[in-house]
Amino acid sequence: MGITIVFAEDIFVLYASPHIGVNSAPFYGVLHGVIMTVLDEQSRLIVVVDDDPAIVESLAMVLEAWGFDTMIALTLDGLRDNLLDTPRQPGLVISDYFLPNGRTGAEAVALVRQHCGRAVPAIILTGDTTTERQAEATAAGCHLLHKPVLPPALRAMVEELFKK
C-alpha cells in the first residue's frame, strides 16, 4: 500500500482530480485503483470561431504565443466537424458574435458545451456595444469583450477564466 500512496501523490501533482480507491479482503489480496480526469493538456485548448480568416489566424497566433493550443473554425458546421475530429476537450471558447448565415457566437458556445457535456467558459467578441449584446452574452453565461480587443485585456480575461 505504501507504493500506491507514493504513486498517488505523483498522480495528484500531474492531474486535476484523481480519485484513489483501495479495497482488500482476507485471502484475496488488495485492489488498488486510480480514476482521474486529465485536464492539463485538454484545458489548454481554446476554440476560436470567427467568419474572418485573418482574425481567426491572428487570434490563434497570439493565443499560441501565450502557450495555448487552438482549434479554429469559420462556421458552426466547421466547428462541429472540428469537435468531432479531436479527442481533446476545450477549456475555453472565444467567438465573434456575428457568424455566417445569421448564426451567433452564443450558438457556437452552446455547440461546444453540448459536445463537452459541461459549461465551458466562453468569451464573445463584438464591435456591437448595445446593451442587447451584453444581455445576450450574460444570458448565455458568456463574458463579452468589445472590439477592438487589446491583447492585455484579452490575456487577462483568458487567464482569469482558466483559473476558475
N, C-alpha and C. Protein backbone atom coordinates (compact mmCIF):
# COMPACT_ATOMS: atom_id res chain seq x y z
N MET A 1 0.83 -1.19 0.00
CA MET A 1 0.00 0.00 0.00
C MET A 1 0.87 1.25 0.00
N GLY A 2 2.05 1.21 0.57
CA GLY A 2 2.94 2.36 0.58
C GLY A 2 3.31 2.81 -0.81
N ILE A 3 3.54 1.86 -1.71
CA ILE A 3 3.86 2.19 -3.10
C ILE A 3 2.70 2.92 -3.74
N THR A 4 1.49 2.46 -3.47
CA THR A 4 0.31 3.10 -4.04
C THR A 4 0.21 4.55 -3.59
N ILE A 5 0.48 4.81 -2.34
CA ILE A 5 0.37 6.17 -1.83
C ILE A 5 1.40 7.09 -2.49
N VAL A 6 2.64 6.63 -2.62
CA VAL A 6 3.67 7.45 -3.27
C VAL A 6 3.27 7.70 -4.72
N PHE A 7 2.84 6.66 -5.42
CA PHE A 7 2.41 6.79 -6.81
C PHE A 7 1.22 7.75 -6.90
N ALA A 8 0.30 7.63 -5.97
CA ALA A 8 -0.89 8.50 -5.97
C ALA A 8 -0.51 9.95 -5.74
N GLU A 9 0.47 10.21 -4.89
CA GLU A 9 0.90 11.58 -4.68
C GLU A 9 1.46 12.18 -5.97
N ASP A 10 2.21 11.38 -6.73
CA ASP A 10 2.74 11.85 -8.01
C ASP A 10 1.60 12.13 -8.99
N ILE A 11 0.61 11.28 -9.01
CA ILE A 11 -0.54 11.48 -9.90
C ILE A 11 -1.27 12.75 -9.52
N PHE A 12 -1.43 12.99 -8.22
CA PHE A 12 -2.15 14.17 -7.77
C PHE A 12 -1.49 15.44 -8.28
N VAL A 13 -0.17 15.45 -8.35
CA VAL A 13 0.54 16.61 -8.85
C VAL A 13 0.28 16.80 -10.34
N LEU A 14 0.18 15.69 -11.09
CA LEU A 14 0.06 15.76 -12.54
C LEU A 14 -1.37 15.97 -13.03
N TYR A 15 -2.34 15.51 -12.29
CA TYR A 15 -3.71 15.53 -12.77
C TYR A 15 -4.61 16.34 -11.85
N ALA A 16 -5.69 16.82 -12.42
CA ALA A 16 -6.54 17.75 -11.69
C ALA A 16 -7.37 17.10 -10.58
N SER A 17 -7.95 15.94 -10.84
CA SER A 17 -8.87 15.40 -9.83
C SER A 17 -8.81 13.88 -9.75
N PRO A 18 -7.74 13.32 -9.18
CA PRO A 18 -7.70 11.87 -9.06
C PRO A 18 -8.59 11.39 -7.92
N HIS A 19 -9.13 10.22 -8.07
CA HIS A 19 -9.88 9.55 -7.02
C HIS A 19 -9.18 8.23 -6.78
N ILE A 20 -8.73 8.01 -5.55
CA ILE A 20 -7.93 6.85 -5.23
C ILE A 20 -8.77 5.91 -4.39
N GLY A 21 -8.77 4.63 -4.76
CA GLY A 21 -9.52 3.65 -4.01
C GLY A 21 -8.66 2.45 -3.69
N VAL A 22 -8.88 1.89 -2.50
CA VAL A 22 -8.18 0.68 -2.08
C VAL A 22 -9.21 -0.23 -1.45
N ASN A 23 -9.29 -1.47 -1.93
CA ASN A 23 -10.16 -2.48 -1.34
C ASN A 23 -9.30 -3.68 -0.99
N SER A 24 -9.59 -4.30 0.14
CA SER A 24 -8.87 -5.52 0.49
C SER A 24 -9.84 -6.49 1.14
N ALA A 25 -9.52 -7.76 0.99
CA ALA A 25 -10.31 -8.81 1.62
C ALA A 25 -9.34 -9.93 2.03
N PRO A 26 -9.59 -10.53 3.20
CA PRO A 26 -8.70 -11.61 3.63
C PRO A 26 -8.61 -12.71 2.58
N PHE A 27 -7.41 -13.13 2.31
CA PHE A 27 -7.10 -14.21 1.37
C PHE A 27 -7.27 -13.83 -0.10
N TYR A 28 -7.69 -12.62 -0.38
CA TYR A 28 -7.88 -12.21 -1.78
C TYR A 28 -6.91 -11.11 -2.20
N GLY A 29 -6.21 -10.53 -1.27
CA GLY A 29 -5.24 -9.50 -1.63
C GLY A 29 -5.85 -8.11 -1.60
N VAL A 30 -5.13 -7.19 -2.24
CA VAL A 30 -5.53 -5.78 -2.22
C VAL A 30 -5.75 -5.31 -3.65
N LEU A 31 -6.83 -4.57 -3.87
CA LEU A 31 -7.12 -3.98 -5.18
C LEU A 31 -6.95 -2.48 -5.05
N HIS A 32 -6.03 -1.94 -5.86
CA HIS A 32 -5.78 -0.50 -5.87
C HIS A 32 -6.38 0.07 -7.15
N GLY A 33 -6.93 1.26 -7.06
CA GLY A 33 -7.47 1.88 -8.27
C GLY A 33 -7.30 3.38 -8.24
N VAL A 34 -7.08 3.92 -9.43
CA VAL A 34 -6.98 5.37 -9.57
C VAL A 34 -7.85 5.77 -10.74
N ILE A 35 -8.79 6.66 -10.48
CA ILE A 35 -9.62 7.22 -11.55
C ILE A 35 -9.29 8.69 -11.63
N MET A 36 -8.97 9.17 -12.83
CA MET A 36 -8.57 10.57 -12.93
C MET A 36 -9.15 11.21 -14.18
N THR A 37 -9.32 12.50 -14.08
CA THR A 37 -9.72 13.32 -15.21
C THR A 37 -8.49 14.10 -15.65
N VAL A 38 -8.06 13.91 -16.88
CA VAL A 38 -6.88 14.60 -17.37
C VAL A 38 -7.31 15.97 -17.88
N LEU A 39 -6.83 17.01 -17.22
CA LEU A 39 -7.20 18.36 -17.61
C LEU A 39 -6.02 19.16 -18.16
N ASP A 40 -4.81 18.78 -17.79
CA ASP A 40 -3.65 19.59 -18.15
C ASP A 40 -3.62 19.92 -19.64
N GLU A 41 -3.58 18.90 -20.48
CA GLU A 41 -3.46 19.12 -21.92
C GLU A 41 -4.77 19.64 -22.50
N GLN A 42 -5.88 19.05 -22.08
CA GLN A 42 -7.16 19.41 -22.66
C GLN A 42 -7.56 20.83 -22.32
N SER A 43 -7.34 21.23 -21.10
CA SER A 43 -7.81 22.54 -20.68
C SER A 43 -7.06 23.68 -21.36
N ARG A 44 -5.91 23.40 -21.96
CA ARG A 44 -5.13 24.44 -22.64
C ARG A 44 -5.61 24.65 -24.07
N LEU A 45 -6.65 23.95 -24.48
CA LEU A 45 -7.20 24.08 -25.83
C LEU A 45 -8.27 25.16 -25.85
N ILE A 46 -8.08 26.14 -26.72
CA ILE A 46 -9.06 27.22 -26.88
C ILE A 46 -9.67 27.14 -28.27
N VAL A 47 -10.99 27.13 -28.31
CA VAL A 47 -11.72 27.16 -29.58
C VAL A 47 -11.89 28.62 -29.99
N VAL A 48 -11.52 28.93 -31.23
CA VAL A 48 -11.65 30.29 -31.77
C VAL A 48 -12.57 30.23 -32.98
N VAL A 49 -13.66 31.00 -32.93
CA VAL A 49 -14.64 31.00 -34.03
C VAL A 49 -14.85 32.43 -34.51
N ASP A 50 -14.64 32.64 -35.80
CA ASP A 50 -14.89 33.94 -36.43
C ASP A 50 -14.99 33.69 -37.92
N ASP A 51 -15.84 34.45 -38.61
CA ASP A 51 -16.00 34.24 -40.04
C ASP A 51 -14.90 34.91 -40.87
N ASP A 52 -14.04 35.67 -40.24
CA ASP A 52 -12.94 36.33 -40.93
C ASP A 52 -11.66 35.52 -40.74
N PRO A 53 -11.16 34.88 -41.81
CA PRO A 53 -9.95 34.03 -41.68
C PRO A 53 -8.76 34.77 -41.10
N ALA A 54 -8.58 36.04 -41.43
CA ALA A 54 -7.44 36.80 -40.92
C ALA A 54 -7.54 36.97 -39.40
N ILE A 55 -8.74 37.20 -38.90
CA ILE A 55 -8.93 37.36 -37.46
C ILE A 55 -8.70 36.04 -36.74
N VAL A 56 -9.26 34.97 -37.28
CA VAL A 56 -9.09 33.66 -36.66
C VAL A 56 -7.61 33.29 -36.59
N GLU A 57 -6.91 33.47 -37.69
CA GLU A 57 -5.49 33.10 -37.73
C GLU A 57 -4.65 33.97 -36.80
N SER A 58 -4.90 35.27 -36.78
CA SER A 58 -4.10 36.15 -35.92
C SER A 58 -4.41 35.90 -34.45
N LEU A 59 -5.66 35.68 -34.12
CA LEU A 59 -6.02 35.39 -32.73
C LEU A 59 -5.39 34.06 -32.30
N ALA A 60 -5.42 33.08 -33.17
CA ALA A 60 -4.79 31.78 -32.87
C ALA A 60 -3.29 31.95 -32.64
N MET A 61 -2.64 32.77 -33.46
CA MET A 61 -1.20 33.00 -33.30
C MET A 61 -0.89 33.64 -31.94
N VAL A 62 -1.68 34.61 -31.55
CA VAL A 62 -1.48 35.28 -30.26
C VAL A 62 -1.67 34.28 -29.11
N LEU A 63 -2.75 33.52 -29.16
CA LEU A 63 -3.03 32.55 -28.09
C LEU A 63 -1.94 31.48 -28.02
N GLU A 64 -1.46 31.03 -29.16
CA GLU A 64 -0.39 30.02 -29.19
C GLU A 64 0.91 30.61 -28.64
N ALA A 65 1.17 31.88 -28.91
CA ALA A 65 2.35 32.53 -28.35
C ALA A 65 2.26 32.61 -26.82
N TRP A 66 1.05 32.64 -26.29
CA TRP A 66 0.84 32.65 -24.85
C TRP A 66 0.86 31.25 -24.25
N GLY A 67 1.06 30.23 -25.08
CA GLY A 67 1.18 28.87 -24.58
C GLY A 67 -0.06 28.02 -24.67
N PHE A 68 -1.07 28.49 -25.38
CA PHE A 68 -2.30 27.72 -25.53
C PHE A 68 -2.32 27.00 -26.88
N ASP A 69 -3.08 25.93 -26.96
CA ASP A 69 -3.37 25.27 -28.23
C ASP A 69 -4.69 25.84 -28.73
N THR A 70 -4.88 25.86 -30.04
CA THR A 70 -6.12 26.41 -30.58
C THR A 70 -6.77 25.46 -31.56
N MET A 71 -8.07 25.57 -31.63
CA MET A 71 -8.89 24.91 -32.64
C MET A 71 -9.68 26.05 -33.29
N ILE A 72 -9.53 26.22 -34.60
CA ILE A 72 -10.19 27.35 -35.25
C ILE A 72 -11.32 26.86 -36.15
N ALA A 73 -12.32 27.73 -36.30
CA ALA A 73 -13.45 27.44 -37.18
C ALA A 73 -14.00 28.76 -37.71
N LEU A 74 -14.47 28.72 -38.95
CA LEU A 74 -15.07 29.90 -39.58
C LEU A 74 -16.59 29.87 -39.54
N THR A 75 -17.15 28.68 -39.31
CA THR A 75 -18.60 28.49 -39.30
C THR A 75 -18.98 27.50 -38.20
N LEU A 76 -20.26 27.41 -37.89
CA LEU A 76 -20.72 26.42 -36.93
C LEU A 76 -20.54 25.00 -37.46
N ASP A 77 -20.75 24.82 -38.77
CA ASP A 77 -20.53 23.49 -39.36
C ASP A 77 -19.07 23.08 -39.25
N GLY A 78 -18.17 24.03 -39.50
CA GLY A 78 -16.74 23.75 -39.36
C GLY A 78 -16.38 23.44 -37.92
N LEU A 79 -16.99 24.16 -37.01
CA LEU A 79 -16.75 23.92 -35.59
C LEU A 79 -17.21 22.52 -35.21
N ARG A 80 -18.40 22.14 -35.64
CA ARG A 80 -18.95 20.82 -35.35
C ARG A 80 -18.00 19.73 -35.86
N ASP A 81 -17.52 19.89 -37.08
CA ASP A 81 -16.58 18.91 -37.66
C ASP A 81 -15.30 18.83 -36.86
N ASN A 82 -14.75 19.99 -36.48
CA ASN A 82 -13.50 20.02 -35.72
C ASN A 82 -13.66 19.35 -34.36
N LEU A 83 -14.78 19.58 -33.70
CA LEU A 83 -15.02 18.96 -32.40
C LEU A 83 -15.09 17.45 -32.51
N LEU A 84 -15.70 16.97 -33.59
CA LEU A 84 -15.81 15.52 -33.79
C LEU A 84 -14.47 14.89 -34.14
N ASP A 85 -13.57 15.69 -34.69
CA ASP A 85 -12.27 15.17 -35.15
C ASP A 85 -11.20 15.15 -34.07
N THR A 86 -11.48 15.66 -32.90
CA THR A 86 -10.44 15.69 -31.86
C THR A 86 -10.95 15.03 -30.58
N PRO A 87 -10.09 14.27 -29.91
CA PRO A 87 -10.48 13.68 -28.62
C PRO A 87 -10.35 14.68 -27.47
N ARG A 88 -9.73 15.81 -27.73
CA ARG A 88 -9.49 16.80 -26.68
C ARG A 88 -10.74 17.61 -26.38
N GLN A 89 -10.84 18.05 -25.15
CA GLN A 89 -11.95 18.90 -24.75
C GLN A 89 -11.43 20.31 -24.51
N PRO A 90 -12.07 21.30 -25.11
CA PRO A 90 -11.62 22.68 -24.92
C PRO A 90 -11.80 23.17 -23.49
N GLY A 91 -10.91 24.08 -23.11
CA GLY A 91 -11.01 24.72 -21.82
C GLY A 91 -11.64 26.10 -21.91
N LEU A 92 -11.78 26.61 -23.16
CA LEU A 92 -12.32 27.95 -23.36
C LEU A 92 -12.78 28.10 -24.79
N VAL A 93 -13.82 28.91 -24.99
CA VAL A 93 -14.30 29.27 -26.32
C VAL A 93 -14.20 30.78 -26.46
N ILE A 94 -13.63 31.23 -27.59
CA ILE A 94 -13.64 32.65 -27.94
C ILE A 94 -14.31 32.74 -29.30
N SER A 95 -15.42 33.45 -29.36
CA SER A 95 -16.17 33.53 -30.62
C SER A 95 -16.62 34.95 -30.90
N ASP A 96 -16.59 35.28 -32.19
CA ASP A 96 -17.20 36.52 -32.65
C ASP A 96 -18.70 36.39 -32.43
N TYR A 97 -19.38 37.49 -32.20
CA TYR A 97 -20.83 37.42 -32.02
C TYR A 97 -21.53 37.09 -33.33
N PHE A 98 -21.21 37.82 -34.39
CA PHE A 98 -21.89 37.64 -35.66
C PHE A 98 -21.16 36.60 -36.51
N LEU A 99 -21.84 35.50 -36.80
CA LEU A 99 -21.28 34.43 -37.62
C LEU A 99 -22.11 34.29 -38.90
N PRO A 100 -21.60 33.56 -39.89
CA PRO A 100 -22.32 33.43 -41.16
C PRO A 100 -23.73 32.84 -41.01
N ASN A 101 -24.57 33.17 -41.97
CA ASN A 101 -25.94 32.66 -42.06
C ASN A 101 -26.80 33.03 -40.86
N GLY A 102 -26.54 34.23 -40.30
CA GLY A 102 -27.36 34.71 -39.19
C GLY A 102 -27.12 34.00 -37.87
N ARG A 103 -26.08 33.21 -37.78
CA ARG A 103 -25.76 32.49 -36.54
C ARG A 103 -24.98 33.41 -35.61
N THR A 104 -24.88 33.01 -34.34
CA THR A 104 -24.22 33.85 -33.35
C THR A 104 -23.14 33.09 -32.57
N GLY A 105 -22.31 33.87 -31.91
CA GLY A 105 -21.29 33.30 -31.05
C GLY A 105 -21.89 32.49 -29.91
N ALA A 106 -23.04 32.93 -29.42
CA ALA A 106 -23.71 32.18 -28.35
C ALA A 106 -24.08 30.78 -28.83
N GLU A 107 -24.43 30.65 -30.10
CA GLU A 107 -24.72 29.33 -30.65
C GLU A 107 -23.45 28.48 -30.74
N ALA A 108 -22.34 29.11 -31.08
CA ALA A 108 -21.06 28.39 -31.12
C ALA A 108 -20.70 27.88 -29.72
N VAL A 109 -20.88 28.72 -28.73
CA VAL A 109 -20.60 28.33 -27.35
C VAL A 109 -21.51 27.18 -26.93
N ALA A 110 -22.79 27.28 -27.26
CA ALA A 110 -23.74 26.22 -26.91
C ALA A 110 -23.34 24.89 -27.57
N LEU A 111 -22.88 24.95 -28.81
CA LEU A 111 -22.44 23.75 -29.51
C LEU A 111 -21.26 23.09 -28.80
N VAL A 112 -20.28 23.90 -28.40
CA VAL A 112 -19.11 23.36 -27.68
C VAL A 112 -19.55 22.78 -26.34
N ARG A 113 -20.38 23.48 -25.63
CA ARG A 113 -20.84 22.99 -24.32
C ARG A 113 -21.62 21.70 -24.45
N GLN A 114 -22.46 21.63 -25.46
CA GLN A 114 -23.23 20.40 -25.68
C GLN A 114 -22.29 19.24 -26.00
N HIS A 115 -21.32 19.49 -26.85
CA HIS A 115 -20.35 18.46 -27.23
C HIS A 115 -19.56 17.97 -26.01
N CYS A 116 -19.16 18.90 -25.15
CA CYS A 116 -18.33 18.56 -23.99
C CYS A 116 -19.13 18.06 -22.79
N GLY A 117 -20.42 18.39 -22.78
CA GLY A 117 -21.25 17.98 -21.65
C GLY A 117 -20.98 18.76 -20.38
N ARG A 118 -20.46 19.97 -20.55
CA ARG A 118 -20.17 20.81 -19.38
C ARG A 118 -20.17 22.28 -19.80
N ALA A 119 -20.20 23.16 -18.83
CA ALA A 119 -20.23 24.60 -19.09
C ALA A 119 -18.81 25.10 -19.34
N VAL A 120 -18.36 25.00 -20.57
CA VAL A 120 -17.04 25.50 -20.95
C VAL A 120 -17.07 27.03 -20.87
N PRO A 121 -16.11 27.66 -20.21
CA PRO A 121 -16.07 29.12 -20.16
C PRO A 121 -15.98 29.72 -21.57
N ALA A 122 -16.54 30.91 -21.74
CA ALA A 122 -16.57 31.50 -23.08
C ALA A 122 -16.49 33.01 -23.05
N ILE A 123 -15.89 33.51 -24.13
CA ILE A 123 -15.80 34.96 -24.36
C ILE A 123 -16.41 35.24 -25.73
N ILE A 124 -17.33 36.18 -25.77
CA ILE A 124 -17.90 36.64 -27.03
C ILE A 124 -17.24 37.97 -27.38
N LEU A 125 -16.76 38.08 -28.61
CA LEU A 125 -16.15 39.31 -29.11
C LEU A 125 -17.13 39.99 -30.07
N THR A 126 -17.30 41.29 -29.92
CA THR A 126 -18.18 42.00 -30.84
C THR A 126 -17.83 43.49 -30.88
N GLY A 127 -18.13 44.08 -32.00
CA GLY A 127 -17.99 45.52 -32.14
C GLY A 127 -19.29 46.23 -31.78
N ASP A 128 -20.34 45.45 -31.59
CA ASP A 128 -21.67 45.98 -31.25
C ASP A 128 -21.71 46.27 -29.75
N THR A 129 -21.83 47.54 -29.41
CA THR A 129 -21.79 47.95 -27.99
C THR A 129 -23.18 48.14 -27.38
N THR A 130 -24.21 47.66 -28.05
CA THR A 130 -25.56 47.83 -27.50
C THR A 130 -25.75 46.97 -26.26
N THR A 131 -26.70 47.38 -25.43
CA THR A 131 -26.98 46.63 -24.21
C THR A 131 -27.56 45.25 -24.52
N GLU A 132 -28.17 45.10 -25.70
CA GLU A 132 -28.72 43.79 -26.08
C GLU A 132 -27.62 42.74 -26.18
N ARG A 133 -26.46 43.11 -26.70
CA ARG A 133 -25.36 42.15 -26.83
C ARG A 133 -24.87 41.71 -25.45
N GLN A 134 -24.77 42.67 -24.53
CA GLN A 134 -24.34 42.32 -23.17
C GLN A 134 -25.37 41.39 -22.52
N ALA A 135 -26.64 41.71 -22.71
CA ALA A 135 -27.69 40.87 -22.12
C ALA A 135 -27.67 39.47 -22.71
N GLU A 136 -27.46 39.35 -24.02
CA GLU A 136 -27.41 38.04 -24.66
C GLU A 136 -26.21 37.24 -24.17
N ALA A 137 -25.07 37.90 -24.05
CA ALA A 137 -23.87 37.21 -23.56
C ALA A 137 -24.08 36.73 -22.13
N THR A 138 -24.64 37.58 -21.30
CA THR A 138 -24.89 37.21 -19.91
C THR A 138 -25.87 36.05 -19.83
N ALA A 139 -26.94 36.11 -20.63
CA ALA A 139 -27.95 35.04 -20.63
C ALA A 139 -27.34 33.71 -21.07
N ALA A 140 -26.34 33.77 -21.94
CA ALA A 140 -25.68 32.55 -22.42
C ALA A 140 -24.55 32.11 -21.49
N GLY A 141 -24.32 32.86 -20.42
CA GLY A 141 -23.25 32.51 -19.49
C GLY A 141 -21.86 32.79 -20.05
N CYS A 142 -21.76 33.84 -20.86
CA CYS A 142 -20.50 34.20 -21.52
C CYS A 142 -20.03 35.58 -21.06
N HIS A 143 -18.73 35.79 -21.18
CA HIS A 143 -18.16 37.11 -20.96
C HIS A 143 -18.17 37.83 -22.31
N LEU A 144 -18.21 39.15 -22.28
CA LEU A 144 -18.27 39.94 -23.50
C LEU A 144 -17.11 40.92 -23.54
N LEU A 145 -16.39 40.94 -24.65
CA LEU A 145 -15.36 41.95 -24.89
C LEU A 145 -15.69 42.66 -26.18
N HIS A 146 -15.54 43.99 -26.16
CA HIS A 146 -15.83 44.78 -27.36
C HIS A 146 -14.57 44.96 -28.21
N LYS A 147 -14.77 44.84 -29.52
CA LYS A 147 -13.68 45.06 -30.47
C LYS A 147 -13.47 46.56 -30.65
N PRO A 148 -12.28 46.97 -30.91
CA PRO A 148 -11.07 46.16 -30.99
C PRO A 148 -10.60 45.77 -29.58
N VAL A 149 -10.22 44.52 -29.44
CA VAL A 149 -9.75 44.00 -28.16
C VAL A 149 -8.23 44.10 -28.12
N LEU A 150 -7.73 44.76 -27.11
CA LEU A 150 -6.29 44.86 -26.94
C LEU A 150 -5.76 43.58 -26.30
N PRO A 151 -4.60 43.12 -26.73
CA PRO A 151 -4.06 41.87 -26.20
C PRO A 151 -3.98 41.79 -24.67
N PRO A 152 -3.57 42.86 -23.96
CA PRO A 152 -3.53 42.73 -22.49
C PRO A 152 -4.91 42.45 -21.88
N ALA A 153 -5.95 43.06 -22.41
CA ALA A 153 -7.30 42.83 -21.89
C ALA A 153 -7.75 41.40 -22.18
N LEU A 154 -7.46 40.92 -23.38
CA LEU A 154 -7.82 39.55 -23.74
C LEU A 154 -7.07 38.56 -22.87
N ARG A 155 -5.77 38.78 -22.74
CA ARG A 155 -4.96 37.85 -21.95
C ARG A 155 -5.43 37.81 -20.49
N ALA A 156 -5.75 38.95 -19.94
CA ALA A 156 -6.22 38.99 -18.55
C ALA A 156 -7.50 38.17 -18.39
N MET A 157 -8.42 38.30 -19.33
CA MET A 157 -9.67 37.54 -19.23
C MET A 157 -9.43 36.05 -19.45
N VAL A 158 -8.59 35.71 -20.43
CA VAL A 158 -8.28 34.30 -20.69
C VAL A 158 -7.67 33.67 -19.44
N GLU A 159 -6.69 34.33 -18.87
CA GLU A 159 -6.02 33.80 -17.68
C GLU A 159 -7.00 33.68 -16.50
N GLU A 160 -7.88 34.67 -16.35
CA GLU A 160 -8.87 34.63 -15.28
C GLU A 160 -9.80 33.43 -15.45
N LEU A 161 -10.25 33.19 -16.66
CA LEU A 161 -11.17 32.08 -16.91
C LEU A 161 -10.49 30.72 -16.75
N PHE A 162 -9.21 30.63 -17.02
CA PHE A 162 -8.50 29.37 -16.83
C PHE A 162 -8.21 29.09 -15.36
N LYS A 163 -8.24 30.10 -14.53
CA LYS A 163 -8.01 29.91 -13.09
C LYS A 163 -9.24 29.35 -12.41
N LYS A 164 -10.41 29.54 -13.01
CA LYS A 164 -11.67 29.09 -12.39
C LYS A 164 -11.83 27.61 -12.51
